[in-house]
Amino acid sequence: MVSGNMDGEVVMLSIQRGEYFGLDKIGSRIWELIENPRSIEEIKAILLEEYEVDEETCLIDLIEFLEDLQNKGLIIVNQVA
C-alpha cells in the first residue's frame, strides 16, 4: 500500500489489488487518527470535538467507514474483549 496527501486529502494505491482509493477531508482525518491504535470511542470523541455532528450519526458513520476500509483490506480492526 502506498499513500500520500494531496491538498489535505489522503490518496492510496493498493499495489496488491491494483486499486486506487481517495478519502475526503473527514475520511482523511480518520485515517490520520488510526495511524496509531485507538478505540472507536476515542476516535468518536475527537471527531465530535472537531466537527458539528451529533453523537449517534458520528458513531454510525465512523463504524461504516471503518468497516468499508476493512472490507477493502486497507485496515485490520482489532477487537478487544
Protein backbone atom coordinates (compact mmCIF):
# COMPACT_ATOMS: atom_id res chain seq x y z
CA MET A 1 0.00 0.00 0.00
CA VAL A 2 1.31 3.39 -0.98
CA SER A 3 -0.37 6.50 0.38
CA GLY A 4 0.12 10.22 0.23
CA ASN A 5 -1.54 13.54 0.92
CA MET A 6 -2.91 15.72 -1.86
CA ASP A 7 -4.44 19.05 -0.86
CA GLY A 8 -5.38 17.76 2.60
CA GLU A 9 -6.92 14.51 1.36
CA VAL A 10 -5.38 11.05 1.53
CA VAL A 11 -4.91 9.03 -1.64
CA MET A 12 -3.82 5.40 -1.59
CA LEU A 13 -2.78 2.80 -4.12
CA SER A 14 -3.10 -0.86 -3.28
CA ILE A 15 -0.35 -2.47 -5.31
CA GLN A 16 -1.65 -5.96 -4.49
CA ARG A 17 -5.19 -5.20 -5.64
CA GLY A 18 -4.28 -2.65 -8.32
CA GLU A 19 -6.84 -0.23 -6.90
CA TYR A 20 -6.77 3.48 -6.15
CA PHE A 21 -8.59 4.90 -3.15
CA GLY A 22 -9.24 8.53 -2.26
CA LEU A 23 -10.51 9.82 1.06
CA ASP A 24 -12.35 13.09 1.57
CA LYS A 25 -11.43 15.54 4.34
CA ILE A 26 -13.18 13.66 7.14
CA GLY A 27 -12.06 10.26 5.88
CA SER A 28 -8.52 11.61 5.73
CA ARG A 29 -8.82 12.84 9.32
CA ILE A 30 -9.99 9.40 10.46
CA TRP A 31 -7.11 7.80 8.54
CA GLU A 32 -4.74 10.13 10.39
CA LEU A 33 -6.33 9.21 13.73
CA ILE A 34 -5.99 5.46 13.15
CA GLU A 35 -2.31 5.64 12.27
CA ASN A 36 -1.83 4.91 15.96
CA PRO A 37 -4.11 2.32 17.59
CA ARG A 38 -7.20 3.96 19.09
CA SER A 39 -10.59 2.74 20.18
CA ILE A 40 -13.70 3.71 18.27
CA GLU A 41 -14.76 5.69 21.34
CA GLU A 42 -11.52 7.69 21.27
CA ILE A 43 -11.90 8.45 17.57
CA LYS A 44 -15.54 9.39 18.02
CA ALA A 45 -14.70 11.77 20.88
CA ILE A 46 -12.10 13.56 18.75
CA LEU A 47 -14.46 13.85 15.78
CA LEU A 48 -17.23 15.24 17.98
CA GLU A 49 -14.86 17.96 19.16
CA GLU A 50 -13.70 18.84 15.64
CA TYR A 51 -16.92 18.60 13.61
CA GLU A 52 -20.51 19.65 14.03
CA VAL A 53 -22.22 16.27 14.15
CA ASP A 54 -24.47 14.53 16.64
CA GLU A 55 -23.06 11.58 18.55
CA GLU A 56 -25.30 8.90 17.01
CA THR A 57 -24.61 9.98 13.41
CA CYS A 58 -20.90 10.22 14.16
CA LEU A 59 -20.76 6.70 15.57
CA ILE A 60 -22.81 5.14 12.75
CA ASP A 61 -20.78 6.87 10.04
CA LEU A 62 -17.48 6.04 11.76
CA ILE A 63 -18.30 2.35 12.06
CA GLU A 64 -19.48 2.18 8.45
CA PHE A 65 -16.30 3.91 7.27
CA LEU A 66 -14.02 1.60 9.26
CA GLU A 67 -15.92 -1.48 8.06
CA ASP A 68 -15.54 -0.27 4.47
CA LEU A 69 -11.78 0.17 4.93
CA GLN A 70 -11.56 -3.27 6.49
CA ASN A 71 -13.61 -4.90 3.71
CA LYS A 72 -11.26 -3.37 1.14
CA GLY A 73 -8.27 -4.79 3.01
CA LEU A 74 -6.94 -1.33 3.90
CA ILE A 75 -7.02 -1.78 7.68
CA ILE A 76 -7.24 -4.54 10.26
CA VAL A 77 -9.65 -3.88 13.09
CA ASN A 78 -8.54 -5.31 16.43
CA GLN A 79 -11.35 -6.14 18.78
CA VAL A 80 -10.56 -6.07 22.46
CA ALA A 81 -12.72 -8.20 24.74
